[in-house]
PDB file of all heavy atoms in Angstrom:
ATOM      1  N   ARG A   1      57.746  51.125 -49.208  1.00  0.00           N
ATOM      2  CA  ARG A   1      58.137  50.291 -50.340  1.00  0.00           C
ATOM      3  C   ARG A   1      57.563  50.794 -51.655  1.00  0.00           C
ATOM      4  O   ARG A   1      57.831  50.227 -52.704  1.00  0.00           O
ATOM      5  CB  ARG A   1      57.679  48.847 -50.104  1.00  0.00           C
ATOM      6  CG  ARG A   1      58.377  48.172 -48.909  1.00  0.00           C
ATOM      7  CD  ARG A   1      58.030  46.685 -48.869  1.00  0.00           C
ATOM      8  NE  ARG A   1      58.554  46.073 -47.664  1.00  0.00           N
ATOM      9  CZ  ARG A   1      57.792  45.665 -46.649  1.00  0.00           C
ATOM     10  NH1 ARG A   1      56.478  45.841 -46.704  1.00  0.00           N
ATOM     11  NH2 ARG A   1      58.333  45.110 -45.602  1.00  0.00           N
ATOM     12  N   ARG A   2      56.749  51.850 -51.596  1.00  0.00           N
ATOM     13  CA  ARG A   2      56.139  52.355 -52.819  1.00  0.00           C
ATOM     14  C   ARG A   2      57.200  52.979 -53.736  1.00  0.00           C
ATOM     15  O   ARG A   2      58.311  53.290 -53.318  1.00  0.00           O
ATOM     16  CB  ARG A   2      55.062  53.392 -52.500  1.00  0.00           C
ATOM     17  CG  ARG A   2      53.846  52.774 -51.805  1.00  0.00           C
ATOM     18  CD  ARG A   2      52.789  53.836 -51.553  1.00  0.00           C
ATOM     19  NE  ARG A   2      52.215  54.314 -52.791  1.00  0.00           N
ATOM     20  CZ  ARG A   2      51.205  53.728 -53.408  1.00  0.00           C
ATOM     21  NH1 ARG A   2      50.658  52.650 -52.909  1.00  0.00           N
ATOM     22  NH2 ARG A   2      50.723  54.229 -54.529  1.00  0.00           N
ATOM     23  N   GLN A   3      56.839  53.191 -54.984  1.00  0.00           N
ATOM     24  CA  GLN A   3      57.763  53.774 -55.941  1.00  0.00           C
ATOM     25  C   GLN A   3      58.110  55.203 -55.540  1.00  0.00           C
ATOM     26  O   GLN A   3      57.358  55.864 -54.829  1.00  0.00           O
ATOM     27  CB  GLN A   3      57.123  53.783 -57.330  1.00  0.00           C
ATOM     28  CG  GLN A   3      56.927  52.380 -57.904  1.00  0.00           C
ATOM     29  CD  GLN A   3      58.252  51.655 -58.054  1.00  0.00           C
ATOM     30  OE1 GLN A   3      59.200  52.224 -58.570  1.00  0.00           O
ATOM     31  NE2 GLN A   3      58.318  50.409 -57.599  1.00  0.00           N
ATOM     32  N   PRO A   4      59.256  55.730 -55.982  1.00  0.00           N
ATOM     33  CA  PRO A   4      59.631  57.102 -55.657  1.00  0.00           C
ATOM     34  C   PRO A   4      58.541  58.087 -56.065  1.00  0.00           C
ATOM     35  O   PRO A   4      57.873  57.907 -57.079  1.00  0.00           O
ATOM     36  CB  PRO A   4      60.910  57.322 -56.481  1.00  0.00           C
ATOM     37  CG  PRO A   4      61.459  55.956 -56.679  1.00  0.00           C
ATOM     38  CD  PRO A   4      60.272  55.037 -56.790  1.00  0.00           C
ATOM     39  N   VAL A   5      58.409  59.117 -55.250  1.00  0.00           N
ATOM     40  CA  VAL A   5      57.383  60.115 -55.495  1.00  0.00           C
ATOM     41  C   VAL A   5      57.681  60.886 -56.766  1.00  0.00           C
ATOM     42  O   VAL A   5      58.811  61.268 -57.026  1.00  0.00           O
ATOM     43  CB  VAL A   5      57.330  61.091 -54.296  1.00  0.00           C
ATOM     44  CG1 VAL A   5      56.333  62.190 -54.567  1.00  0.00           C
ATOM     45  CG2 VAL A   5      56.943  60.326 -53.039  1.00  0.00           C
ATOM     46  N   SER A   6      56.658  61.146 -57.582  1.00  0.00           N
ATOM     47  CA  SER A   6      56.899  61.820 -58.843  1.00  0.00           C
ATOM     48  C   SER A   6      55.916  62.927 -59.133  1.00  0.00           C
ATOM     49  O   SER A   6      55.863  63.423 -60.236  1.00  0.00           O
ATOM     50  CB  SER A   6      56.847  60.790 -59.983  1.00  0.00           C
ATOM     51  OG  SER A   6      55.572  60.177 -60.041  1.00  0.00           O
ATOM     52  N   SER A   7      55.111  63.339 -58.157  1.00  0.00           N
ATOM     53  CA  SER A   7      54.196  64.446 -58.372  1.00  0.00           C
ATOM     54  C   SER A   7      53.709  64.961 -57.043  1.00  0.00           C
ATOM     55  O   SER A   7      53.861  64.295 -56.026  1.00  0.00           O
ATOM     56  CB  SER A   7      52.992  63.993 -59.204  1.00  0.00           C
ATOM     57  OG  SER A   7      52.109  63.248 -58.392  1.00  0.00           O
ATOM     58  N   PRO A   8      53.126  66.171 -57.026  1.00  0.00           N
ATOM     59  CA  PRO A   8      52.601  66.691 -55.772  1.00  0.00           C
ATOM     60  C   PRO A   8      51.566  65.773 -55.155  1.00  0.00           C
ATOM     61  O   PRO A   8      51.547  65.573 -53.949  1.00  0.00           O
ATOM     62  CB  PRO A   8      51.987  68.030 -56.188  1.00  0.00           C
ATOM     63  CG  PRO A   8      52.680  68.414 -57.436  1.00  0.00           C
ATOM     64  CD  PRO A   8      52.996  67.125 -58.130  1.00  0.00           C
ATOM     65  N   ARG A   9      50.694  65.180 -55.971  1.00  0.00           N
ATOM     66  CA  ARG A   9      49.672  64.306 -55.411  1.00  0.00           C
ATOM     67  C   ARG A   9      50.284  63.017 -54.871  1.00  0.00           C
ATOM     68  O   ARG A   9      49.844  62.485 -53.856  1.00  0.00           O
ATOM     69  CB  ARG A   9      48.612  63.995 -56.474  1.00  0.00           C
ATOM     70  CG  ARG A   9      47.769  65.210 -56.835  1.00  0.00           C
ATOM     71  CD  ARG A   9      46.789  64.883 -57.951  1.00  0.00           C
ATOM     72  NE  ARG A   9      45.795  63.915 -57.529  1.00  0.00           N
ATOM     73  CZ  ARG A   9      44.641  64.234 -56.940  1.00  0.00           C
ATOM     74  NH1 ARG A   9      44.380  65.498 -56.674  1.00  0.00           N
ATOM     75  NH2 ARG A   9      43.763  63.310 -56.608  1.00  0.00           N
ATOM     76  N   ARG A  10      51.340  62.523 -55.535  1.00  0.00           N
ATOM     77  CA  ARG A  10      51.988  61.335 -54.995  1.00  0.00           C
ATOM     78  C   ARG A  10      52.779  61.670 -53.741  1.00  0.00           C
ATOM     79  O   ARG A  10      52.910  60.846 -52.849  1.00  0.00           O
ATOM     80  CB  ARG A  10      52.916  60.715 -56.044  1.00  0.00           C
ATOM     81  CG  ARG A  10      52.152  60.047 -57.184  1.00  0.00           C
ATOM     82  CD  ARG A  10      53.028  59.095 -57.943  1.00  0.00           C
ATOM     83  NE  ARG A  10      52.293  58.491 -59.015  1.00  0.00           N
ATOM     84  CZ  ARG A  10      52.573  57.301 -59.528  1.00  0.00           C
ATOM     85  NH1 ARG A  10      53.555  56.609 -59.030  1.00  0.00           N
ATOM     86  NH2 ARG A  10      51.867  56.820 -60.518  1.00  0.00           N
ATOM     87  N   ARG A  11      53.331  62.880 -53.691  1.00  0.00           N
ATOM     88  CA  ARG A  11      54.047  63.266 -52.472  1.00  0.00           C
ATOM     89  C   ARG A  11      53.118  63.240 -51.275  1.00  0.00           C
ATOM     90  O   ARG A  11      53.547  63.083 -50.142  1.00  0.00           O
ATOM     91  CB  ARG A  11      54.674  64.650 -52.633  1.00  0.00           C
ATOM     92  CG  ARG A  11      56.015  64.613 -53.338  1.00  0.00           C
ATOM     93  CD  ARG A  11      56.842  65.835 -52.962  1.00  0.00           C
ATOM     94  NE  ARG A  11      56.169  67.064 -53.288  1.00  0.00           N
ATOM     95  CZ  ARG A  11      56.168  67.624 -54.477  1.00  0.00           C
ATOM     96  NH1 ARG A  11      56.784  67.026 -55.466  1.00  0.00           N
ATOM     97  NH2 ARG A  11      55.550  68.770 -54.680  1.00  0.00           N
ATOM     98  N   MET A  12      51.812  63.392 -51.501  1.00  0.00           N
ATOM     99  CA  MET A  12      50.863  63.329 -50.418  1.00  0.00           C
ATOM    100  C   MET A  12      50.901  61.963 -49.737  1.00  0.00           C
ATOM    101  O   MET A  12      50.634  61.830 -48.548  1.00  0.00           O
ATOM    102  CB  MET A  12      49.449  63.622 -50.910  1.00  0.00           C
ATOM    103  CG  MET A  12      48.458  63.835 -49.769  1.00  0.00           C
ATOM    104  SD  MET A  12      46.847  64.378 -50.329  1.00  0.00           S
ATOM    105  CE  MET A  12      46.167  62.847 -50.941  1.00  0.00           C
ATOM    106  N   CYS A  13      51.278  60.919 -50.483  1.00  0.00           N
ATOM    107  CA  CYS A  13      51.377  59.582 -49.896  1.00  0.00           C
ATOM    108  C   CYS A  13      52.392  59.597 -48.759  1.00  0.00           C
ATOM    109  O   CYS A  13      52.167  59.028 -47.693  1.00  0.00           O
ATOM    110  CB  CYS A  13      51.801  58.561 -50.948  1.00  0.00           C
ATOM    111  SG  CYS A  13      50.612  58.353 -52.279  1.00  0.00           S
ATOM    112  N   MET A  14      53.554  60.256 -48.995  1.00  0.00           N
ATOM    113  CA  MET A  14      54.582  60.303 -47.964  1.00  0.00           C
ATOM    114  C   MET A  14      54.118  61.118 -46.786  1.00  0.00           C
ATOM    115  O   MET A  14      54.403  60.792 -45.637  1.00  0.00           O
ATOM    116  CB  MET A  14      55.879  60.867 -48.544  1.00  0.00           C
ATOM    117  CG  MET A  14      56.469  60.002 -49.647  1.00  0.00           C
ATOM    118  SD  MET A  14      58.072  60.605 -50.218  1.00  0.00           S
ATOM    119  CE  MET A  14      59.077  60.273 -48.790  1.00  0.00           C
ATOM    120  N   SER A  15      53.388  62.203 -47.055  1.00  0.00           N
ATOM    121  CA  SER A  15      52.858  63.006 -45.964  1.00  0.00           C
ATOM    122  C   SER A  15      51.852  62.208 -45.151  1.00  0.00           C
ATOM    123  O   SER A  15      51.825  62.282 -43.933  1.00  0.00           O
ATOM    124  CB  SER A  15      52.190  64.265 -46.521  1.00  0.00           C
ATOM    125  OG  SER A  15      53.123  65.052 -47.199  1.00  0.00           O
ATOM    126  N   MET A  16      51.019  61.415 -45.836  1.00  0.00           N
ATOM    127  CA  MET A  16      50.046  60.614 -45.125  1.00  0.00           C
ATOM    128  C   MET A  16      50.726  59.502 -44.339  1.00  0.00           C
ATOM    129  O   MET A  16      50.246  59.080 -43.298  1.00  0.00           O
ATOM    130  CB  MET A  16      49.031  60.028 -46.110  1.00  0.00           C
ATOM    131  CG  MET A  16      48.121  61.077 -46.727  1.00  0.00           C
ATOM    132  SD  MET A  16      47.273  62.081 -45.483  1.00  0.00           S
ATOM    133  CE  MET A  16      46.314  60.806 -44.654  1.00  0.00           C
ATOM    134  N   GLU A  17      51.885  59.024 -44.837  1.00  0.00           N
ATOM    135  CA  GLU A  17      52.643  58.032 -44.066  1.00  0.00           C
ATOM    136  C   GLU A  17      53.045  58.632 -42.727  1.00  0.00           C
ATOM    137  O   GLU A  17      52.876  58.018 -41.680  1.00  0.00           O
ATOM    138  CB  GLU A  17      53.891  57.612 -44.830  1.00  0.00           C
ATOM    139  CG  GLU A  17      54.816  56.720 -44.007  1.00  0.00           C
ATOM    140  CD  GLU A  17      56.188  56.576 -44.637  1.00  0.00           C
ATOM    141  OE1 GLU A  17      56.388  57.032 -45.753  1.00  0.00           O
ATOM    142  OE2 GLU A  17      57.050  56.002 -43.963  1.00  0.00           O
ATOM    143  N   LYS A  18      53.576  59.851 -42.769  1.00  0.00           N
ATOM    144  CA  LYS A  18      53.984  60.513 -41.528  1.00  0.00           C
ATOM    145  C   LYS A  18      52.784  60.748 -40.628  1.00  0.00           C
ATOM    146  O   LYS A  18      52.825  60.495 -39.428  1.00  0.00           O
ATOM    147  CB  LYS A  18      54.671  61.844 -41.849  1.00  0.00           C
ATOM    148  CG  LYS A  18      54.990  62.657 -40.596  1.00  0.00           C
ATOM    149  CD  LYS A  18      55.647  63.950 -40.950  1.00  0.00           C
ATOM    150  CE  LYS A  18      55.605  64.913 -39.787  1.00  0.00           C
ATOM    151  NZ  LYS A  18      56.042  64.321 -38.531  1.00  0.00           N
ATOM    152  N   CYS A  19      51.696  61.245 -41.226  1.00  0.00           N
ATOM    153  CA  CYS A  19      50.463  61.481 -40.482  1.00  0.00           C
ATOM    154  C   CYS A  19      50.010  60.196 -39.799  1.00  0.00           C
ATOM    155  O   CYS A  19      49.638  60.193 -38.642  1.00  0.00           O
ATOM    156  CB  CYS A  19      49.366  61.980 -41.415  1.00  0.00           C
ATOM    157  SG  CYS A  19      48.908  63.681 -41.113  1.00  0.00           S
ATOM    158  N   CYS A  20      50.032  59.109 -40.567  1.00  0.00           N
ATOM    159  CA  CYS A  20      49.575  57.826 -40.040  1.00  0.00           C
ATOM    160  C   CYS A  20      50.417  57.411 -38.832  1.00  0.00           C
ATOM    161  O   CYS A  20      49.891  57.032 -37.801  1.00  0.00           O
ATOM    162  CB  CYS A  20      49.661  56.766 -41.136  1.00  0.00           C
ATOM    163  SG  CYS A  20      49.346  55.086 -40.553  1.00  0.00           S
ATOM    164  N   TRP A  21      51.736  57.514 -38.982  1.00  0.00           N
ATOM    165  CA  TRP A  21      52.616  57.051 -37.897  1.00  0.00           C
ATOM    166  C   TRP A  21      52.417  57.888 -36.638  1.00  0.00           C
ATOM    167  O   TRP A  21      52.282  57.349 -35.547  1.00  0.00           O
ATOM    168  CB  TRP A  21      54.073  57.126 -38.342  1.00  0.00           C
ATOM    169  CG  TRP A  21      54.950  56.537 -37.268  1.00  0.00           C
ATOM    170  CD1 TRP A  21      55.618  57.178 -36.300  1.00  0.00           C
ATOM    171  CD2 TRP A  21      55.184  55.150 -37.057  1.00  0.00           C
ATOM    172  NE1 TRP A  21      56.258  56.293 -35.491  1.00  0.00           N
ATOM    173  CE2 TRP A  21      56.011  55.039 -35.937  1.00  0.00           C
ATOM    174  CE3 TRP A  21      54.766  53.998 -37.705  1.00  0.00           C
ATOM    175  CZ2 TRP A  21      56.435  53.811 -35.448  1.00  0.00           C
ATOM    176  CZ3 TRP A  21      55.203  52.786 -37.222  1.00  0.00           C
ATOM    177  CH2 TRP A  21      56.026  52.706 -36.114  1.00  0.00           C
ATOM    178  N   ILE A  22      52.390  59.201 -36.783  1.00  0.00           N
ATOM    179  CA  ILE A  22      52.262  60.073 -35.616  1.00  0.00           C
ATOM    180  C   ILE A  22      50.925  59.869 -34.911  1.00  0.00           C
ATOM    181  O   ILE A  22      50.852  59.680 -33.704  1.00  0.00           O
ATOM    182  CB  ILE A  22      52.429  61.546 -36.017  1.00  0.00           C
ATOM    183  CG1 ILE A  22      53.871  61.808 -36.452  1.00  0.00           C
ATOM    184  CG2 ILE A  22      52.054  62.477 -34.873  1.00  0.00           C
ATOM    185  CD1 ILE A  22      54.112  63.191 -37.009  1.00  0.00           C
ATOM    186  N   TRP A  23      49.860  59.892 -35.709  1.00  0.00           N
ATOM    187  CA  TRP A  23      48.539  59.838 -35.086  1.00  0.00           C
ATOM    188  C   TRP A  23      48.148  58.430 -34.678  1.00  0.00           C
ATOM    189  O   TRP A  23      47.478  58.232 -33.665  1.00  0.00           O
ATOM    190  CB  TRP A  23      47.499  60.463 -36.015  1.00  0.00           C
ATOM    191  CG  TRP A  23      47.679  61.937 -36.037  1.00  0.00           C
ATOM    192  CD1 TRP A  23      48.335  62.689 -36.973  1.00  0.00           C
ATOM    193  CD2 TRP A  23      47.265  62.864 -35.036  1.00  0.00           C
ATOM    194  NE1 TRP A  23      48.342  64.019 -36.616  1.00  0.00           N
ATOM    195  CE2 TRP A  23      47.685  64.150 -35.435  1.00  0.00           C
ATOM    196  CE3 TRP A  23      46.567  62.735 -33.837  1.00  0.00           C
ATOM    197  CZ2 TRP A  23      47.434  65.284 -34.693  1.00  0.00           C
ATOM    198  CZ3 TRP A  23      46.317  63.868 -33.085  1.00  0.00           C
ATOM    199  CH2 TRP A  23      46.754  65.123 -33.511  1.00  0.00           C
ATOM    200  N   CYS A  24      48.541  57.424 -35.450  1.00  0.00           N
ATOM    201  CA  CYS A  24      48.203  56.058 -35.054  1.00  0.00           C
ATOM    202  C   CYS A  24      48.877  55.688 -33.744  1.00  0.00           C
ATOM    203  O   CYS A  24      48.352  54.897 -32.974  1.00  0.00           O
ATOM    204  CB  CYS A  24      48.608  55.068 -36.139  1.00  0.00           C
ATOM    205  SG  CYS A  24      47.500  55.052 -37.558  1.00  0.00           S
ATOM    206  N   SER A  25      50.064  56.251 -33.496  1.00  0.00           N
ATOM    207  CA  SER A  25      50.763  55.956 -32.252  1.00  0.00           C
ATOM    208  C   SER A  25      50.033  56.531 -31.060  1.00  0.00           C
ATOM    209  O   SER A  25      50.265  56.140 -29.935  1.00  0.00           O
ATOM    210  CB  SER A  25      52.195  56.497 -32.310  1.00  0.00           C
ATOM    211  OG  SER A  25      52.197  57.897 -32.332  1.00  0.00           O
ATOM    212  N   ARG A  26      49.130  57.481 -31.285  1.00  0.00           N
ATOM    213  CA  ARG A  26      48.414  58.117 -30.184  1.00  0.00           C
ATOM    214  C   ARG A  26      47.005  57.539 -30.007  1.00  0.00           C
ATOM    215  O   ARG A  26      46.381  57.718 -28.978  1.00  0.00           O
ATOM    216  CB  ARG A  26      48.287  59.626 -30.430  1.00  0.00           C
ATOM    217  CG  ARG A  26      49.624  60.323 -30.616  1.00  0.00           C
ATOM    218  CD  ARG A  26      49.416  61.799 -30.904  1.00  0.00           C
ATOM    219  NE  ARG A  26      50.647  62.429 -31.311  1.00  0.00           N
ATOM    220  CZ  ARG A  26      50.734  63.682 -31.724  1.00  0.00           C
ATOM    221  NH1 ARG A  26      49.673  64.436 -31.772  1.00  0.00           N
ATOM    222  NH2 ARG A  26      51.895  64.184 -32.078  1.00  0.00           N
ATOM    223  N   LEU A  27      46.459  56.923 -31.029  1.00  0.00           N
ATOM    224  CA  LEU A  27      45.059  56.509 -30.992  1.00  0.00           C
ATOM    225  C   LEU A  27      44.970  54.991 -30.990  1.00  0.00           C
ATOM    226  O   LEU A  27      45.806  54.303 -31.538  1.00  0.00           O
ATOM    227  CB  LEU A  27      44.310  57.074 -32.210  1.00  0.00           C
ATOM    228  CG  LEU A  27      44.421  58.575 -32.431  1.00  0.00           C
ATOM    229  CD1 LEU A  27      43.741  58.964 -33.728  1.00  0.00           C
ATOM    230  CD2 LEU A  27      43.805  59.333 -31.266  1.00  0.00           C
ATOM    231  N   ARG A  28      43.921  54.477 -30.389  1.00  0.00           N
ATOM    232  CA  ARG A  28      43.723  53.043 -30.342  1.00  0.00           C
ATOM    233  C   ARG A  28      42.259  52.710 -30.607  1.00  0.00           C
ATOM    234  O   ARG A  28      41.408  53.575 -30.704  1.00  0.00           O
ATOM    235  CB  ARG A  28      44.149  52.477 -28.964  1.00  0.00           C
ATOM    236  CG  ARG A  28      45.669  52.509 -28.730  1.00  0.00           C
ATOM    237  CD  ARG A  28      46.397  51.671 -29.745  1.00  0.00           C
ATOM    238  NE  ARG A  28      47.816  51.646 -29.533  1.00  0.00           N
ATOM    239  CZ  ARG A  28      48.650  52.488 -30.121  1.00  0.00           C
ATOM    240  NH1 ARG A  28      48.201  53.430 -30.911  1.00  0.00           N
ATOM    241  NH2 ARG A  28      49.944  52.398 -29.893  1.00  0.00           N
ATOM    242  N   GLY A  29      41.958  51.391 -30.656  1.00  0.00           N
ATOM    243  CA  GLY A  29      40.588  50.956 -30.803  1.00  0.00           C
ATOM    244  C   GLY A  29      39.984  51.363 -32.127  1.00  0.00           C
ATOM    245  O   GLY A  29      40.617  51.292 -33.176  1.00  0.00           O
ATOM    246  N   LEU A  30      38.757  51.815 -32.080  1.00  0.00           N
ATOM    247  CA  LEU A  30      38.026  52.189 -33.285  1.00  0.00           C
ATOM    248  C   LEU A  30      38.715  53.320 -34.024  1.00  0.00           C
ATOM    249  O   LEU A  30      38.740  53.351 -35.253  1.00  0.00           O
ATOM    250  CB  LEU A  30      36.597  52.608 -32.911  1.00  0.00           C
ATOM    251  CG  LEU A  30      35.693  53.056 -34.078  1.00  0.00           C
ATOM    252  CD1 LEU A  30      35.521  51.923 -35.072  1.00  0.00           C
ATOM    253  CD2 LEU A  30      34.346  53.516 -33.531  1.00  0.00           C
ATOM    254  N   ALA A  31      39.274  54.263 -33.272  1.00  0.00           N
ATOM    255  CA  ALA A  31      39.958  55.393 -33.895  1.00  0.00           C
ATOM    256  C   ALA A  31      41.116  54.911 -34.750  1.00  0.00           C
ATOM    257  O   ALA A  31      41.319  55.369 -35.876  1.00  0.00           O
ATOM    258  CB  ALA A  31      40.479  56.348 -32.827  1.00  0.00           C
ATOM    259  N   LEU A  32      41.881  53.963 -34.248  1.00  0.00           N
ATOM    260  CA  LEU A  32      43.026  53.424 -34.995  1.00  0.00           C
ATOM    261  C   LEU A  32      42.558  52.770 -36.293  1.00  0.00           C
ATOM    262  O   LEU A  32      43.130  52.991 -37.361  1.00  0.00           O
ATOM    263  CB  LEU A  32      43.777  52.414 -34.134  1.00  0.00           C
ATOM    264  CG  LEU A  32      44.942  51.675 -34.795  1.00  0.00           C
ATOM    265  CD1 LEU A  32      45.971  52.649 -35.314  1.00  0.00           C
ATOM    266  CD2 LEU A  32      45.561  50.709 -33.817  1.00  0.00           C
ATOM    267  N   LYS A  33      41.496  51.977 -36.208  1.00  0.00           N
ATOM    268  CA  LYS A  33      40.994  51.313 -37.399  1.00  0.00           C
ATOM    269  C   LYS A  33      40.545  52.328 -38.445  1.00  0.00           C
ATOM    270  O   LYS A  33      40.753  52.148 -39.641  1.00  0.00           O
ATOM    271  CB  LYS A  33      39.839  50.386 -37.022  1.00  0.00           C
ATOM    272  CG  LYS A  33      40.256  49.214 -36.139  1.00  0.00           C
ATOM    273  CD  LYS A  33      39.044  48.379 -35.753  1.00  0.00           C
ATOM    274  CE  LYS A  33      39.447  47.248 -34.811  1.00  0.00           C
ATOM    275  NZ  LYS A  33      38.287  46.453 -34.384  1.00  0.00           N
ATOM    276  N   MET A  34      39.929  53.439 -37.989  1.00  0.00           N
ATOM    277  CA  MET A  34      39.445  54.454 -38.909  1.00  0.00           C
ATOM    278  C   MET A  34      40.598  55.121 -39.629  1.00  0.00           C
ATOM    279  O   MET A  34      40.582  55.288 -40.853  1.00  0.00           O
ATOM    280  CB  MET A  34      38.632  55.513 -38.141  1.00  0.00           C
ATOM    281  CG  MET A  34      38.053  56.608 -39.027  1.00  0.00           C
ATOM    282  SD  MET A  34      37.276  57.902 -38.050  1.00  0.00           S
ATOM    283  CE  MET A  34      36.056  56.933 -37.169  1.00  0.00           C
ATOM    284  N   VAL A  35      41.634  55.497 -38.887  1.00  0.00           N
ATOM    285  CA  VAL A  35      42.781  56.173 -39.489  1.00  0.00           C
ATOM    286  C   VAL A  35      43.480  55.263 -40.492  1.00  0.00           C
ATOM    287  O   VAL A  35      43.781  55.652 -41.617  1.00  0.00           O
ATOM    288  CB  VAL A  35      43.775  56.636 -38.399  1.00  0.00           C
ATOM    289  CG1 VAL A  35      45.046  57.179 -39.030  1.00  0.00           C
ATOM    290  CG2 VAL A  35      43.133  57.703 -37.524  1.00  0.00           C
ATOM    291  N   VAL A  36      43.735  54.043 -40.089  1.00  0.00           N
ATOM    292  CA  VAL A  36      44.432  53.101 -40.974  1.00  0.00           C
ATOM    293  C   VAL A  36      43.620  52.843 -42.236  1.00  0.00           C
ATOM    294  O   VAL A  36      44.158  52.788 -43.353  1.00  0.00           O
ATOM    295  CB  VAL A  36      44.724  51.785 -40.229  1.00  0.00           C
ATOM    296  CG1 VAL A  36      45.256  50.741 -41.195  1.00  0.00           C
ATOM    297  CG2 VAL A  36      45.732  52.032 -39.113  1.00  0.00           C
ATOM    298  N   TYR A  37      42.322  52.700 -42.080  1.00  0.00           N
ATOM    299  CA  TYR A  37      41.469  52.466 -43.244  1.00  0.00           C
ATOM    300  C   TYR A  37      41.546  53.627 -44.216  1.00  0.00           C
ATOM    301  O   TYR A  37      41.711  53.450 -45.426  1.00  0.00           O
ATOM    302  CB  TYR A  37      40.024  52.254 -42.808  1.00  0.00           C
ATOM    303  CG  TYR A  37      39.039  52.234 -43.961  1.00  0.00           C
ATOM    304  CD1 TYR A  37      38.920  51.122 -44.778  1.00  0.00           C
ATOM    305  CD2 TYR A  37      38.262  53.355 -44.258  1.00  0.00           C
ATOM    306  CE1 TYR A  37      38.040  51.107 -45.846  1.00  0.00           C
ATOM    307  CE2 TYR A  37      37.382  53.353 -45.323  1.00  0.00           C
ATOM    308  CZ  TYR A  37      37.273  52.235 -46.112  1.00  0.00           C
ATOM    309  OH  TYR A  37      36.424  52.240 -47.170  1.00  0.00           O
ATOM    310  N   LEU A  38      41.447  54.856 -43.696  1.00  0.00           N
ATOM    311  CA  LEU A  38      41.478  56.029 -44.567  1.00  0.00           C
ATOM    312  C   LEU A  38      42.814  56.166 -45.278  1.00  0.00           C
ATOM    313  O   LEU A  38      42.878  56.435 -46.481  1.00  0.00           O
ATOM    314  CB  LEU A  38      41.183  57.294 -43.759  1.00  0.00           C
ATOM    315  CG  LEU A  38      39.728  57.464 -43.300  1.00  0.00           C
ATOM    316  CD1 LEU A  38      39.618  58.625 -42.327  1.00  0.00           C
ATOM    317  CD2 LEU A  38      38.824  57.697 -44.493  1.00  0.00           C
ATOM    318  N   VAL A  39      43.901  55.983 -44.551  1.00  0.00           N
ATOM    319  CA  VAL A  39      45.228  56.120 -45.158  1.00  0.00           C
ATOM    320  C   VAL A  39      45.436  55.046 -46.221  1.00  0.00           C
ATOM    321  O   VAL A  39      45.958  55.312 -47.310  1.00  0.00           O
ATOM    322  CB  VAL A  39      46.324  56.038 -44.080  1.00  0.00           C
ATOM    323  CG1 VAL A  39      47.700  56.004 -44.738  1.00  0.00           C
ATOM    324  CG2 VAL A  39      46.234  57.229 -43.148  1.00  0.00           C
ATOM    325  N   THR A  40      45.026  53.830 -45.920  1.00  0.00           N
ATOM    326  CA  THR A  40      45.172  52.751 -46.893  1.00  0.00           C
ATOM    327  C   THR A  40      44.359  53.036 -48.143  1.00  0.00           C
ATOM    328  O   THR A  40      44.821  52.818 -49.271  1.00  0.00           O
ATOM    329  CB  THR A  40      44.711  51.422 -46.271  1.00  0.00           C
ATOM    330  OG1 THR A  40      45.450  51.190 -45.072  1.00  0.00           O
ATOM    331  CG2 THR A  40      44.958  50.265 -47.238  1.00  0.00           C
ATOM    332  N   LEU A  41      43.143  53.533 -47.961  1.00  0.00           N
ATOM    333  CA  LEU A  41      42.291  53.842 -49.102  1.00  0.00           C
ATOM    334  C   LEU A  41      42.903  54.921 -49.979  1.00  0.00           C
ATOM    335  O   LEU A  41      42.978  54.796 -51.202  1.00  0.00           O
ATOM    336  CB  LEU A  41      40.911  54.293 -48.597  1.00  0.00           C
ATOM    337  CG  LEU A  41      39.905  54.748 -49.668  1.00  0.00           C
ATOM    338  CD1 LEU A  41      39.574  53.578 -50.588  1.00  0.00           C
ATOM    339  CD2 LEU A  41      38.650  55.289 -49.012  1.00  0.00           C
ATOM    340  N   ILE A  42      43.385  56.007 -49.342  1.00  0.00           N
ATOM    341  CA  ILE A  42      43.924  57.146 -50.093  1.00  0.00           C
ATOM    342  C   ILE A  42      45.181  56.752 -50.850  1.00  0.00           C
ATOM    343  O   ILE A  42      45.353  57.056 -52.027  1.00  0.00           O
ATOM    344  CB  ILE A  42      44.214  58.319 -49.134  1.00  0.00           C
ATOM    345  CG1 ILE A  42      42.890  58.866 -48.572  1.00  0.00           C
ATOM    346  CG2 ILE A  42      44.964  59.446 -49.856  1.00  0.00           C
ATOM    347  CD1 ILE A  42      43.077  59.763 -47.383  1.00  0.00           C
ATOM    348  N   THR A  43      46.082  56.048 -50.181  1.00  0.00           N
ATOM    349  CA  THR A  43      47.372  55.738 -50.814  1.00  0.00           C
ATOM    350  C   THR A  43      47.277  54.612 -51.826  1.00  0.00           C
ATOM    351  O   THR A  43      48.249  54.333 -52.533  1.00  0.00           O
ATOM    352  CB  THR A  43      48.425  55.390 -49.754  1.00  0.00           C
ATOM    353  OG1 THR A  43      47.922  54.314 -48.951  1.00  0.00           O
ATOM    354  CG2 THR A  43      48.725  56.590 -48.897  1.00  0.00           C
ATOM    355  N   SER A  44      46.138  53.939 -51.891  1.00  0.00           N
ATOM    356  CA  SER A  44      45.966  52.887 -52.892  1.00  0.00           C
ATOM    357  C   SER A  44      45.522  53.437 -54.238  1.00  0.00           C
ATOM    358  O   SER A  44      45.489  52.710 -55.229  1.00  0.00           O
ATOM    359  CB  SER A  44      44.940  51.864 -52.404  1.00  0.00           C
ATOM    360  OG  SER A  44      43.659  52.457 -52.305  1.00  0.00           O
ATOM    361  N   LEU A  45      45.169  54.727 -54.276  1.00  0.00           N
ATOM    362  CA  LEU A  45      44.727  55.327 -55.524  1.00  0.00           C
ATOM    363  C   LEU A  45      45.908  55.519 -56.476  1.00  0.00           C
ATOM    364  O   LEU A  45      47.059  55.614 -56.056  1.00  0.00           O
ATOM    365  CB  LEU A  45      44.066  56.682 -55.251  1.00  0.00           C
ATOM    366  CG  LEU A  45      42.832  56.664 -54.330  1.00  0.00           C
ATOM    367  CD1 LEU A  45      42.357  58.086 -54.073  1.00  0.00           C
ATOM    368  CD2 LEU A  45      41.720  55.859 -54.971  1.00  0.00           C
TER     369      LEU A  45
END
């Protein structure tokens, strides 16, 4: 739902979305919380 990407650094948000989906689907428990926290932190900048 974020705004369209407009720079290389913003394009990283879309890459992290893909990263999040692929890796979160494989990890659970504490690992899942760590990944989600990091992705949320990075993409909120």
